[in-house]
Amino acid sequence: MSQIDSTGTAPPSPSKVTRVLRMLWADKMAFAAVIFLIVVLLCAIFGPMLFEGVASKTNLRARNAPPFDMARGFLYILGGDALGRPLLARIIVAAQNTMLIAAGAVAGSLIVGTCLGLIAGYAGKWTGEVIMRLADVIMSFPSLLLAVIVLYMLEPSIANLVLVLAITRIPIYLRTTRAKVLEVRERMFVQAARVMGASNLRIIFRHILPVILPTLLTIATLDFAFVMLAESALSFLGIGIQAPEVTWGLMVSQGRQYLTNAWWLAFWPGLAIILTTMSLNLLSSWMRVALNPTQRWRLEIGGKKNG
């Protein structure tokens, strides 16, 4: 119940955005993670427009320049690579391809896996069994090994990398969606909608999908970090993105041969990968609580106290 002030009127309830910000502020680690992810997203959007020319321009005088040497300008604060290009500018530019590959793979696997899971969970037994056997076939191959085999036969491009990583992640969303649908479809509100004559599509997308969507979004946030690591591993093995395109994983791969005398070439892009995956894990943990109605009150109380 809303509290009544001295004038006899109830104070206005906070908007949804304000509630989310308060819950986010209640978890300081998650708040810091969101700030960092926003910075990464801004780098991915505007970085190539601002620094693409600088990031690709060679300067042999600054070859393997050490970090924190401001004599060459602010962009060399993290040092220079083997061709004298500023590492800070290259990390900012590489954020676009890294985020694009991870976002494309997660979005593709989420959409396809969710649709197949909805069909497998709500349709008849035989349809569900056929779809689940398809998921079992994909899961029978190690995801990284499957990606290595396919990319070895195909040209290593952004589109092929997104396609391969998306295929390997489909069973995660398919199995989760099917399990949740099998549970939700027996609840009273679904039975009531069926009795009132609602179509199957309306029941699935209007009544079932909104219930299971928070769980899928939480998994997608966590899976985003896994796909980033998978792309970095493929680039490190030399079958991911190829030069002149650049990703954080490719920068680590290019810097590994200089680890003994120029450690910063692989350290800084590796640190960017670590901080981004850590931020995604923290955000996923916060979402697991914030999207759960039975646990959300902890964040709401914490947000009110801090506010």
C-alpha atoms as a PDB file:
ATOM      1  CA  MET A   1       0.000   0.000   0.000  1.00  0.00           C
ATOM      2  CA  SER A   2       1.220   3.484  -0.780  1.00  0.00           C
ATOM      3  CA  GLN A   3       1.928   5.826   2.114  1.00  0.00           C
ATOM      4  CA  ILE A   4      -0.244   8.929   2.616  1.00  0.00           C
ATOM      5  CA  ASP A   5       1.488  12.237   3.256  1.00  0.00           C
ATOM      6  CA  SER A   6       0.252  15.116   5.453  1.00  0.00           C
ATOM      7  CA  THR A   7      -1.922  16.521   2.667  1.00  0.00           C
ATOM      8  CA  GLY A   8      -3.869  13.290   2.424  1.00  0.00           C
ATOM      9  CA  THR A   9      -2.536  12.318  -1.021  1.00  0.00           C
ATOM     10  CA  ALA A  10      -0.272   9.434  -1.942  1.00  0.00           C
ATOM     11  CA  PRO A  11       3.165  10.354  -3.299  1.00  0.00           C
ATOM     12  CA  PRO A  12       3.717   9.543  -6.952  1.00  0.00           C
ATOM     13  CA  SER A  13       5.192   6.116  -7.549  1.00  0.00           C
ATOM     14  CA  PRO A  14       8.653   6.079  -9.169  1.00  0.00           C
ATOM     15  CA  SER A  15       8.891   5.278 -12.846  1.00  0.00           C
ATOM     16  CA  LYS A  16      10.245   1.961 -14.092  1.00  0.00           C
ATOM     17  CA  VAL A  17      13.542   3.560 -15.091  1.00  0.00           C
ATOM     18  CA  THR A  18      13.947   5.047 -11.622  1.00  0.00           C
ATOM     19  CA  ARG A  19      13.208   1.687 -10.012  1.00  0.00           C
ATOM     20  CA  VAL A  20      15.767  -0.056 -12.203  1.00  0.00           C
ATOM     21  CA  LEU A  21      18.399   2.582 -11.423  1.00  0.00           C
ATOM     22  CA  ARG A  22      17.722   2.260  -7.711  1.00  0.00           C
ATOM     23  CA  MET A  23      18.015  -1.517  -7.835  1.00  0.00           C
ATOM     24  CA  LEU A  24      21.199  -1.187  -9.856  1.00  0.00           C
ATOM     25  CA  TRP A  25      22.627   1.318  -7.386  1.00  0.00           C
ATOM     26  CA  ALA A  26      21.891  -1.140  -4.576  1.00  0.00           C
ATOM     27  CA  ASP A  27      24.485  -3.491  -6.091  1.00  0.00           C
ATOM     28  CA  LYS A  28      27.593  -1.338  -6.481  1.00  0.00           C
ATOM     29  CA  MET A  29      29.549  -4.011  -8.361  1.00  0.00           C
ATOM     30  CA  ALA A  30      26.758  -4.406 -10.909  1.00  0.00           C
ATOM     31  CA  PHE A  31      26.512  -0.614 -11.221  1.00  0.00           C
ATOM     32  CA  ALA A  32      30.236  -0.353 -11.954  1.00  0.00           C
ATOM     33  CA  ALA A  33      29.903  -3.219 -14.448  1.00  0.00           C
ATOM     34  CA  VAL A  34      27.116  -1.413 -16.312  1.00  0.00           C
ATOM     35  CA  ILE A  35      29.184   1.790 -16.468  1.00  0.00           C
ATOM     36  CA  PHE A  36      32.112  -0.141 -17.928  1.00  0.00           C
ATOM     37  CA  LEU A  37      29.888  -1.915 -20.471  1.00  0.00           C
ATOM     38  CA  ILE A  38      28.410   1.417 -21.542  1.00  0.00           C
ATOM     39  CA  VAL A  39      31.944   2.722 -22.136  1.00  0.00           C
ATOM     40  CA  VAL A  40      32.757  -0.392 -24.198  1.00  0.00           C
ATOM     41  CA  LEU A  41      29.539   0.032 -26.191  1.00  0.00           C
ATOM     42  CA  LEU A  42      30.344   3.684 -26.921  1.00  0.00           C
ATOM     43  CA  CYS A  43      33.826   2.656 -28.055  1.00  0.00           C
ATOM     44  CA  ALA A  44      32.304   0.024 -30.334  1.00  0.00           C
ATOM     45  CA  ILE A  45      29.891   2.543 -31.890  1.00  0.00           C
ATOM     46  CA  PHE A  46      32.041   5.660 -32.217  1.00  0.00           C
ATOM     47  CA  GLY A  47      35.578   4.255 -31.967  1.00  0.00           C
ATOM     48  CA  PRO A  48      36.130   3.431 -35.657  1.00  0.00           C
ATOM     49  CA  MET A  49      34.786   6.820 -36.740  1.00  0.00           C
ATOM     50  CA  LEU A  50      37.218   8.654 -34.455  1.00  0.00           C
ATOM     51  CA  PHE A  51      40.359   6.528 -34.382  1.00  0.00           C
ATOM     52  CA  GLU A  52      40.335   4.165 -37.397  1.00  0.00           C
ATOM     53  CA  GLY A  53      42.892   6.240 -39.289  1.00  0.00           C
ATOM     54  CA  VAL A  54      45.209   6.535 -36.304  1.00  0.00           C
ATOM     55  CA  ALA A  55      44.836   2.869 -35.371  1.00  0.00           C
ATOM     56  CA  SER A  56      45.948   1.679 -38.819  1.00  0.00           C
ATOM     57  CA  LYS A  57      48.763   4.182 -39.405  1.00  0.00           C
ATOM     58  CA  THR A  58      52.224   2.664 -38.942  1.00  0.00           C
ATOM     59  CA  ASN A  59      55.020   4.524 -37.154  1.00  0.00           C
ATOM     60  CA  LEU A  60      58.203   2.481 -37.007  1.00  0.00           C
ATOM     61  CA  ARG A  61      59.801   4.977 -34.631  1.00  0.00           C
ATOM     62  CA  ALA A  62      57.219   3.968 -32.033  1.00  0.00           C
ATOM     63  CA  ARG A  63      57.657   0.221 -32.659  1.00  0.00           C
ATOM     64  CA  ASN A  64      56.912  -1.674 -29.409  1.00  0.00           C
ATOM     65  CA  ALA A  65      56.845   1.631 -27.553  1.00  0.00           C
ATOM     66  CA  PRO A  66      56.506   1.068 -23.789  1.00  0.00           C
ATOM     67  CA  PRO A  67      53.317   2.108 -21.984  1.00  0.00           C
ATOM     68  CA  PHE A  68      52.885   5.319 -19.993  1.00  0.00           C
ATOM     69  CA  ASP A  69      55.343   7.180 -22.229  1.00  0.00           C
ATOM     70  CA  MET A  70      53.469  10.395 -22.932  1.00  0.00           C
ATOM     71  CA  ALA A  71      56.188  11.833 -25.186  1.00  0.00           C
ATOM     72  CA  ARG A  72      54.355  10.506 -28.274  1.00  0.00           C
ATOM     73  CA  GLY A  73      50.912  11.687 -27.187  1.00  0.00           C
ATOM     74  CA  PHE A  74      47.987  10.420 -25.166  1.00  0.00           C
ATOM     75  CA  LEU A  75      47.097   7.609 -27.592  1.00  0.00           C
ATOM     76  CA  TYR A  76      50.432   5.948 -26.756  1.00  0.00           C
ATOM     77  CA  ILE A  77      49.651   5.781 -23.042  1.00  0.00           C
ATOM     78  CA  LEU A  78      49.266   1.985 -23.392  1.00  0.00           C
ATOM     79  CA  GLY A  79      52.272   1.722 -25.705  1.00  0.00           C
ATOM     80  CA  GLY A  80      52.674   0.876 -29.380  1.00  0.00           C
ATOM     81  CA  ASP A  81      52.461  -2.410 -31.254  1.00  0.00           C
ATOM     82  CA  ALA A  82      55.013  -4.102 -33.522  1.00  0.00           C
ATOM     83  CA  LEU A  83      54.286  -1.592 -36.307  1.00  0.00           C
ATOM     84  CA  GLY A  84      54.202   1.460 -34.051  1.00  0.00           C
ATOM     85  CA  ARG A  85      50.421   1.809 -34.016  1.00  0.00           C
ATOM     86  CA  PRO A  86      48.965   3.112 -30.725  1.00  0.00           C
ATOM     87  CA  LEU A  87      47.485   0.279 -28.672  1.00  0.00           C
ATOM     88  CA  LEU A  88      44.798   2.451 -27.072  1.00  0.00           C
ATOM     89  CA  ALA A  89      43.387   3.439 -30.464  1.00  0.00           C
ATOM     90  CA  ARG A  90      43.514  -0.154 -31.712  1.00  0.00           C
ATOM     91  CA  ILE A  91      41.737  -1.488 -28.621  1.00  0.00           C
ATOM     92  CA  ILE A  92      38.987   1.118 -29.041  1.00  0.00           C
ATOM     93  CA  VAL A  93      38.581   0.298 -32.751  1.00  0.00           C
ATOM     94  CA  ALA A  94      38.722  -3.468 -32.131  1.00  0.00           C
ATOM     95  CA  ALA A  95      35.801  -3.181 -29.693  1.00  0.00           C
ATOM     96  CA  GLN A  96      33.393  -2.866 -32.632  1.00  0.00           C
ATOM     97  CA  ASN A  97      34.241  -6.199 -34.275  1.00  0.00           C
ATOM     98  CA  THR A  98      34.479  -7.957 -30.912  1.00  0.00           C
ATOM     99  CA  MET A  99      31.057  -6.721 -29.792  1.00  0.00           C
ATOM    100  CA  LEU A 100      29.524  -7.232 -33.253  1.00  0.00           C
ATOM    101  CA  ILE A 101      30.556 -10.886 -33.390  1.00  0.00           C
ATOM    102  CA  ALA A 102      29.407 -11.626 -29.843  1.00  0.00           C
ATOM    103  CA  ALA A 103      26.112  -9.737 -30.197  1.00  0.00           C
ATOM    104  CA  GLY A 104      25.315 -11.313 -33.569  1.00  0.00           C
ATOM    105  CA  ALA A 105      26.037 -14.846 -32.353  1.00  0.00           C
ATOM    106  CA  VAL A 106      24.049 -14.422 -29.135  1.00  0.00           C
ATOM    107  CA  ALA A 107      21.095 -12.753 -30.871  1.00  0.00           C
ATOM    108  CA  GLY A 108      20.962 -15.402 -33.592  1.00  0.00           C
ATOM    109  CA  SER A 109      21.186 -18.345 -31.203  1.00  0.00           C
ATOM    110  CA  LEU A 110      18.684 -16.721 -28.825  1.00  0.00           C
ATOM    111  CA  ILE A 111      16.053 -16.163 -31.522  1.00  0.00           C
ATOM    112  CA  VAL A 112      16.431 -19.537 -33.232  1.00  0.00           C
ATOM    113  CA  GLY A 113      16.815 -21.508 -30.013  1.00  0.00           C
ATOM    114  CA  THR A 114      13.846 -19.805 -28.360  1.00  0.00           C
ATOM    115  CA  CYS A 115      11.552 -20.389 -31.352  1.00  0.00           C
ATOM    116  CA  LEU A 116      12.533 -24.052 -31.594  1.00  0.00           C
ATOM    117  CA  GLY A 117      12.169 -24.448 -27.841  1.00  0.00           C
ATOM    118  CA  LEU A 118       8.685 -22.934 -27.885  1.00  0.00           C
ATOM    119  CA  ILE A 119       7.653 -25.369 -30.630  1.00  0.00           C
ATOM    120  CA  ALA A 120       9.263 -28.346 -28.883  1.00  0.00           C
ATOM    121  CA  GLY A 121       7.630 -27.532 -25.563  1.00  0.00           C
ATOM    122  CA  TYR A 122       4.143 -26.633 -26.760  1.00  0.00           C
ATOM    123  CA  ALA A 123       3.689 -28.887 -29.794  1.00  0.00           C
ATOM    124  CA  GLY A 124       3.080 -32.617 -29.744  1.00  0.00           C
ATOM    125  CA  LYS A 125       5.432 -35.244 -28.399  1.00  0.00           C
ATOM    126  CA  TRP A 126       6.874 -36.328 -31.749  1.00  0.00           C
ATOM    127  CA  THR A 127       7.638 -32.787 -32.882  1.00  0.00           C
ATOM    128  CA  GLY A 128       9.374 -32.061 -29.612  1.00  0.00           C
ATOM    129  CA  GLU A 129      11.419 -35.263 -29.786  1.00  0.00           C
ATOM    130  CA  VAL A 130      12.636 -34.505 -33.320  1.00  0.00           C
ATOM    131  CA  ILE A 131      13.722 -30.991 -32.330  1.00  0.00           C
ATOM    132  CA  MET A 132      15.455 -32.245 -29.192  1.00  0.00           C
ATOM    133  CA  ARG A 133      17.366 -34.858 -31.172  1.00  0.00           C
ATOM    134  CA  LEU A 134      18.583 -32.031 -33.399  1.00  0.00           C
ATOM    135  CA  ALA A 135      19.872 -30.247 -30.318  1.00  0.00           C
ATOM    136  CA  ASP A 136      21.554 -33.451 -29.150  1.00  0.00           C
ATOM    137  CA  VAL A 137      23.367 -33.743 -32.492  1.00  0.00           C
ATOM    138  CA  ILE A 138      24.738 -30.206 -32.169  1.00  0.00           C
ATOM    139  CA  MET A 139      25.740 -30.756 -28.535  1.00  0.00           C
ATOM    140  CA  SER A 140      27.513 -34.016 -29.384  1.00  0.00           C
ATOM    141  CA  PHE A 141      30.292 -31.953 -30.973  1.00  0.00           C
ATOM    142  CA  PRO A 142      32.440 -29.736 -28.710  1.00  0.00           C
ATOM    143  CA  SER A 143      31.506 -26.178 -29.636  1.00  0.00           C
ATOM    144  CA  LEU A 144      35.062 -24.949 -30.069  1.00  0.00           C
ATOM    145  CA  LEU A 145      36.059 -28.011 -32.098  1.00  0.00           C
ATOM    146  CA  LEU A 146      33.038 -27.591 -34.369  1.00  0.00           C
ATOM    147  CA  ALA A 147      33.934 -23.945 -34.899  1.00  0.00           C
ATOM    148  CA  VAL A 148      37.529 -24.879 -35.710  1.00  0.00           C
ATOM    149  CA  ILE A 149      36.440 -27.475 -38.304  1.00  0.00           C
ATOM    150  CA  VAL A 150      33.903 -25.223 -40.027  1.00  0.00           C
ATOM    151  CA  LEU A 151      36.132 -22.138 -40.088  1.00  0.00           C
ATOM    152  CA  TYR A 152      39.009 -24.226 -41.400  1.00  0.00           C
ATOM    153  CA  MET A 153      36.862 -25.136 -44.419  1.00  0.00           C
ATOM    154  CA  LEU A 154      35.228 -21.718 -44.852  1.00  0.00           C
ATOM    155  CA  GLU A 155      36.767 -18.302 -45.218  1.00  0.00           C
ATOM    156  CA  PRO A 156      37.346 -16.786 -41.740  1.00  0.00           C
ATOM    157  CA  SER A 157      35.103 -13.724 -41.921  1.00  0.00           C
ATOM    158  CA  ILE A 158      32.836 -11.925 -39.462  1.00  0.00           C
ATOM    159  CA  ALA A 159      29.690 -13.427 -41.026  1.00  0.00           C
ATOM    160  CA  ASN A 160      31.038 -17.000 -40.925  1.00  0.00           C
ATOM    161  CA  LEU A 161      32.288 -16.545 -37.377  1.00  0.00           C
ATOM    162  CA  VAL A 162      28.884 -15.264 -36.223  1.00  0.00           C
ATOM    163  CA  LEU A 163      27.122 -18.142 -37.995  1.00  0.00           C
ATOM    164  CA  VAL A 164      29.341 -20.838 -36.491  1.00  0.00           C
ATOM    165  CA  LEU A 165      29.216 -19.458 -32.946  1.00  0.00           C
ATOM    166  CA  ALA A 166      25.436 -18.985 -33.187  1.00  0.00           C
ATOM    167  CA  ILE A 167      24.891 -22.601 -34.269  1.00  0.00           C
ATOM    168  CA  THR A 168      26.982 -23.949 -31.400  1.00  0.00           C
ATOM    169  CA  ARG A 169      24.944 -21.959 -28.828  1.00  0.00           C
ATOM    170  CA  ILE A 170      21.442 -22.806 -30.096  1.00  0.00           C
ATOM    171  CA  PRO A 171      20.972 -25.907 -27.860  1.00  0.00           C
ATOM    172  CA  ILE A 172      21.460 -23.804 -24.702  1.00  0.00           C
ATOM    173  CA  TYR A 173      18.374 -21.699 -25.415  1.00  0.00           C
ATOM    174  CA  LEU A 174      16.429 -24.555 -27.002  1.00  0.00           C
ATOM    175  CA  ARG A 175      16.670 -26.852 -23.988  1.00  0.00           C
ATOM    176  CA  THR A 176      16.060 -24.053 -21.485  1.00  0.00           C
ATOM    177  CA  THR A 177      13.018 -22.757 -23.369  1.00  0.00           C
ATOM    178  CA  ARG A 178      11.499 -26.225 -23.745  1.00  0.00           C
ATOM    179  CA  ALA A 179      11.928 -26.997 -20.042  1.00  0.00           C
ATOM    180  CA  LYS A 180      10.297 -23.707 -19.040  1.00  0.00           C
ATOM    181  CA  VAL A 181       7.438 -24.120 -21.541  1.00  0.00           C
ATOM    182  CA  LEU A 182       6.646 -27.610 -20.245  1.00  0.00           C
ATOM    183  CA  GLU A 183       6.292 -26.085 -16.788  1.00  0.00           C
ATOM    184  CA  VAL A 184       4.438 -22.883 -17.660  1.00  0.00           C
ATOM    185  CA  ARG A 185       1.884 -24.426 -20.026  1.00  0.00           C
ATOM    186  CA  GLU A 186       0.304 -26.309 -17.116  1.00  0.00           C
ATOM    187  CA  ARG A 187      -0.341 -23.186 -15.049  1.00  0.00           C
ATOM    188  CA  MET A 188      -3.823 -21.876 -14.471  1.00  0.00           C
ATOM    189  CA  PHE A 189      -3.547 -18.689 -16.538  1.00  0.00           C
ATOM    190  CA  VAL A 190      -2.524 -20.692 -19.612  1.00  0.00           C
ATOM    191  CA  GLN A 191      -5.367 -23.140 -19.063  1.00  0.00           C
ATOM    192  CA  ALA A 192      -7.785 -20.213 -18.677  1.00  0.00           C
ATOM    193  CA  ALA A 193      -6.577 -18.619 -21.928  1.00  0.00           C
ATOM    194  CA  ARG A 194      -7.031 -21.940 -23.738  1.00  0.00           C
ATOM    195  CA  VAL A 195     -10.577 -22.334 -22.361  1.00  0.00           C
ATOM    196  CA  MET A 196     -11.458 -18.795 -23.474  1.00  0.00           C
ATOM    197  CA  GLY A 197     -10.544 -19.733 -27.044  1.00  0.00           C
ATOM    198  CA  ALA A 198      -7.136 -18.070 -27.417  1.00  0.00           C
ATOM    199  CA  SER A 199      -5.109 -19.336 -30.367  1.00  0.00           C
ATOM    200  CA  ASN A 200      -1.891 -21.269 -29.853  1.00  0.00           C
ATOM    201  CA  LEU A 201       0.207 -18.396 -31.181  1.00  0.00           C
ATOM    202  CA  ARG A 202      -1.446 -15.960 -28.796  1.00  0.00           C
ATOM    203  CA  ILE A 203      -0.915 -18.305 -25.849  1.00  0.00           C
ATOM    204  CA  ILE A 204       2.743 -18.835 -26.745  1.00  0.00           C
ATOM    205  CA  PHE A 205       3.754 -15.245 -27.456  1.00  0.00           C
ATOM    206  CA  ARG A 206       1.332 -13.396 -25.155  1.00  0.00           C
ATOM    207  CA  HIS A 207       1.218 -15.647 -22.085  1.00  0.00           C
ATOM    208  CA  ILE A 208       4.161 -18.079 -22.086  1.00  0.00           C
ATOM    209  CA  LEU A 209       7.032 -16.128 -23.671  1.00  0.00           C
ATOM    210  CA  PRO A 210       6.877 -13.130 -21.267  1.00  0.00           C
ATOM    211  CA  VAL A 211       7.212 -15.538 -18.328  1.00  0.00           C
ATOM    212  CA  ILE A 212      10.332 -17.298 -19.623  1.00  0.00           C
ATOM    213  CA  LEU A 213      11.965 -14.274 -21.295  1.00  0.00           C
ATOM    214  CA  PRO A 214      13.735 -12.975 -18.131  1.00  0.00           C
ATOM    215  CA  THR A 215      15.475 -16.333 -17.715  1.00  0.00           C
ATOM    216  CA  LEU A 216      16.571 -16.314 -21.361  1.00  0.00           C
ATOM    217  CA  LEU A 217      17.905 -12.754 -21.114  1.00  0.00           C
ATOM    218  CA  THR A 218      19.935 -13.670 -18.050  1.00  0.00           C
ATOM    219  CA  ILE A 219      21.420 -16.646 -19.893  1.00  0.00           C
ATOM    220  CA  ALA A 220      22.110 -14.473 -22.954  1.00  0.00           C
ATOM    221  CA  THR A 221      24.039 -11.957 -20.848  1.00  0.00           C
ATOM    222  CA  LEU A 222      26.205 -14.736 -19.451  1.00  0.00           C
ATOM    223  CA  ASP A 223      26.523 -16.368 -22.878  1.00  0.00           C
ATOM    224  CA  PHE A 224      27.738 -13.074 -24.349  1.00  0.00           C
ATOM    225  CA  ALA A 225      30.884 -13.434 -22.260  1.00  0.00           C
ATOM    226  CA  PHE A 226      31.360 -17.057 -23.381  1.00  0.00           C
ATOM    227  CA  VAL A 227      31.054 -16.123 -27.059  1.00  0.00           C
ATOM    228  CA  MET A 228      33.604 -13.342 -26.574  1.00  0.00           C
ATOM    229  CA  LEU A 229      36.061 -15.844 -25.105  1.00  0.00           C
ATOM    230  CA  ALA A 230      35.334 -18.327 -27.919  1.00  0.00           C
ATOM    231  CA  GLU A 231      35.996 -15.670 -30.568  1.00  0.00           C
ATOM    232  CA  SER A 232      39.213 -14.711 -28.796  1.00  0.00           C
ATOM    233  CA  ALA A 233      40.307 -18.356 -28.699  1.00  0.00           C
ATOM    234  CA  LEU A 234      39.613 -18.798 -32.428  1.00  0.00           C
ATOM    235  CA  SER A 235      41.489 -15.596 -33.281  1.00  0.00           C
ATOM    236  CA  PHE A 236      44.339 -16.717 -31.027  1.00  0.00           C
ATOM    237  CA  LEU A 237      44.513 -19.994 -32.979  1.00  0.00           C
ATOM    238  CA  GLY A 238      44.706 -18.045 -36.234  1.00  0.00           C
ATOM    239  CA  ILE A 239      41.356 -19.147 -37.727  1.00  0.00           C
ATOM    240  CA  GLY A 240      39.258 -16.227 -36.523  1.00  0.00           C
ATOM    241  CA  ILE A 241      39.273 -12.663 -37.829  1.00  0.00           C
ATOM    242  CA  GLN A 242      42.233 -11.936 -40.087  1.00  0.00           C
ATOM    243  CA  ALA A 243      44.165  -8.703 -40.605  1.00  0.00           C
ATOM    244  CA  PRO A 244      43.530  -5.936 -41.558  1.00  0.00           C
ATOM    245  CA  GLU A 245      40.368  -6.496 -39.488  1.00  0.00           C
ATOM    246  CA  VAL A 246      41.092  -6.441 -35.787  1.00  0.00           C
ATOM    247  CA  THR A 247      39.539  -7.865 -32.618  1.00  0.00           C
ATOM    248  CA  TRP A 248      40.816  -8.107 -29.072  1.00  0.00           C
ATOM    249  CA  GLY A 249      41.525 -11.806 -29.537  1.00  0.00           C
ATOM    250  CA  LEU A 250      43.541 -11.137 -32.691  1.00  0.00           C
ATOM    251  CA  MET A 251      45.564  -8.477 -30.852  1.00  0.00           C
ATOM    252  CA  VAL A 252      46.412 -11.002 -28.150  1.00  0.00           C
ATOM    253  CA  SER A 253      47.427 -13.492 -30.828  1.00  0.00           C
ATOM    254  CA  GLN A 254      49.646 -10.930 -32.563  1.00  0.00           C
ATOM    255  CA  GLY A 255      51.312  -9.966 -29.296  1.00  0.00           C
ATOM    256  CA  ARG A 256      52.116 -13.449 -27.994  1.00  0.00           C
ATOM    257  CA  GLN A 257      55.456 -13.617 -29.817  1.00  0.00           C
ATOM    258  CA  TYR A 258      56.564 -10.440 -28.016  1.00  0.00           C
ATOM    259  CA  LEU A 259      55.657 -11.562 -24.488  1.00  0.00           C
ATOM    260  CA  THR A 260      59.269 -11.662 -23.327  1.00  0.00           C
ATOM    261  CA  ASN A 261      60.261  -8.163 -24.444  1.00  0.00           C
ATOM    262  CA  ALA A 262      56.949  -6.323 -25.048  1.00  0.00           C
ATOM    263  CA  TRP A 263      54.351  -7.870 -22.744  1.00  0.00           C
ATOM    264  CA  TRP A 264      51.950  -4.946 -23.137  1.00  0.00           C
ATOM    265  CA  LEU A 265      51.050  -5.934 -26.714  1.00  0.00           C
ATOM    266  CA  ALA A 266      49.032  -8.900 -25.426  1.00  0.00           C
ATOM    267  CA  PHE A 267      48.338  -7.665 -21.898  1.00  0.00           C
ATOM    268  CA  TRP A 268      46.092  -4.686 -22.620  1.00  0.00           C
ATOM    269  CA  PRO A 269      43.695  -6.371 -25.093  1.00  0.00           C
ATOM    270  CA  GLY A 270      43.642  -9.406 -22.793  1.00  0.00           C
ATOM    271  CA  LEU A 271      42.737  -7.116 -19.889  1.00  0.00           C
ATOM    272  CA  ALA A 272      39.917  -5.628 -21.977  1.00  0.00           C
ATOM    273  CA  ILE A 273      38.545  -9.143 -22.549  1.00  0.00           C
ATOM    274  CA  ILE A 274      38.806 -10.013 -18.854  1.00  0.00           C
ATOM    275  CA  LEU A 275      37.115  -6.817 -17.648  1.00  0.00           C
ATOM    276  CA  THR A 276      34.303  -7.123 -20.197  1.00  0.00           C
ATOM    277  CA  THR A 277      33.564 -10.759 -19.377  1.00  0.00           C
ATOM    278  CA  MET A 278      33.726 -10.000 -15.657  1.00  0.00           C
ATOM    279  CA  SER A 279      31.293  -7.097 -16.097  1.00  0.00           C
ATOM    280  CA  LEU A 280      28.910  -9.329 -18.036  1.00  0.00           C
ATOM    281  CA  ASN A 281      29.042 -11.945 -15.279  1.00  0.00           C
ATOM    282  CA  LEU A 282      28.289  -9.321 -12.633  1.00  0.00           C
ATOM    283  CA  LEU A 283      25.407  -7.951 -14.706  1.00  0.00           C
ATOM    284  CA  SER A 284      24.039 -11.460 -15.198  1.00  0.00           C
ATOM    285  CA  SER A 285      24.103 -12.087 -11.433  1.00  0.00           C
ATOM    286  CA  TRP A 286      22.247  -8.815 -10.835  1.00  0.00           C
ATOM    287  CA  MET A 287      19.663  -9.640 -13.503  1.00  0.00           C
ATOM    288  CA  ARG A 288      19.076 -13.043 -11.915  1.00  0.00           C
ATOM    289  CA  VAL A 289      17.902 -11.260  -8.761  1.00  0.00           C
ATOM    290  CA  ALA A 290      16.265  -8.192 -10.346  1.00  0.00           C
ATOM    291  CA  LEU A 291      14.109 -10.248 -12.728  1.00  0.00           C
ATOM    292  CA  ASN A 292      12.963 -12.646 -10.002  1.00  0.00           C
ATOM    293  CA  PRO A 293       9.833 -11.267  -8.268  1.00  0.00           C
ATOM    294  CA  THR A 294      10.551 -13.312  -5.131  1.00  0.00           C
ATOM    295  CA  GLN A 295      14.050 -11.806  -4.665  1.00  0.00           C
ATOM    296  CA  ARG A 296      13.675  -8.369  -6.222  1.00  0.00           C
ATOM    297  CA  TRP A 297      12.637  -6.820  -2.910  1.00  0.00           C
ATOM    298  CA  ARG A 298      16.215  -7.071  -1.621  1.00  0.00           C
ATOM    299  CA  LEU A 299      17.470  -4.731  -4.300  1.00  0.00           C
ATOM    300  CA  GLU A 300      14.467  -2.428  -3.947  1.00  0.00           C
ATOM    301  CA  ILE A 301      15.031  -2.049  -0.197  1.00  0.00           C
ATOM    302  CA  GLY A 302      18.758  -1.523  -0.730  1.00  0.00           C
ATOM    303  CA  GLY A 303      18.090   1.084  -3.401  1.00  0.00           C
ATOM    304  CA  LYS A 304      15.715   3.020  -1.142  1.00  0.00           C
ATOM    305  CA  LYS A 305      18.236   3.020   1.716  1.00  0.00           C
ATOM    306  CA  ASN A 306      21.062   4.210  -0.521  1.00  0.00           C
ATOM    307  CA  GLY A 307      18.799   6.751  -2.156  1.00  0.00           C
END
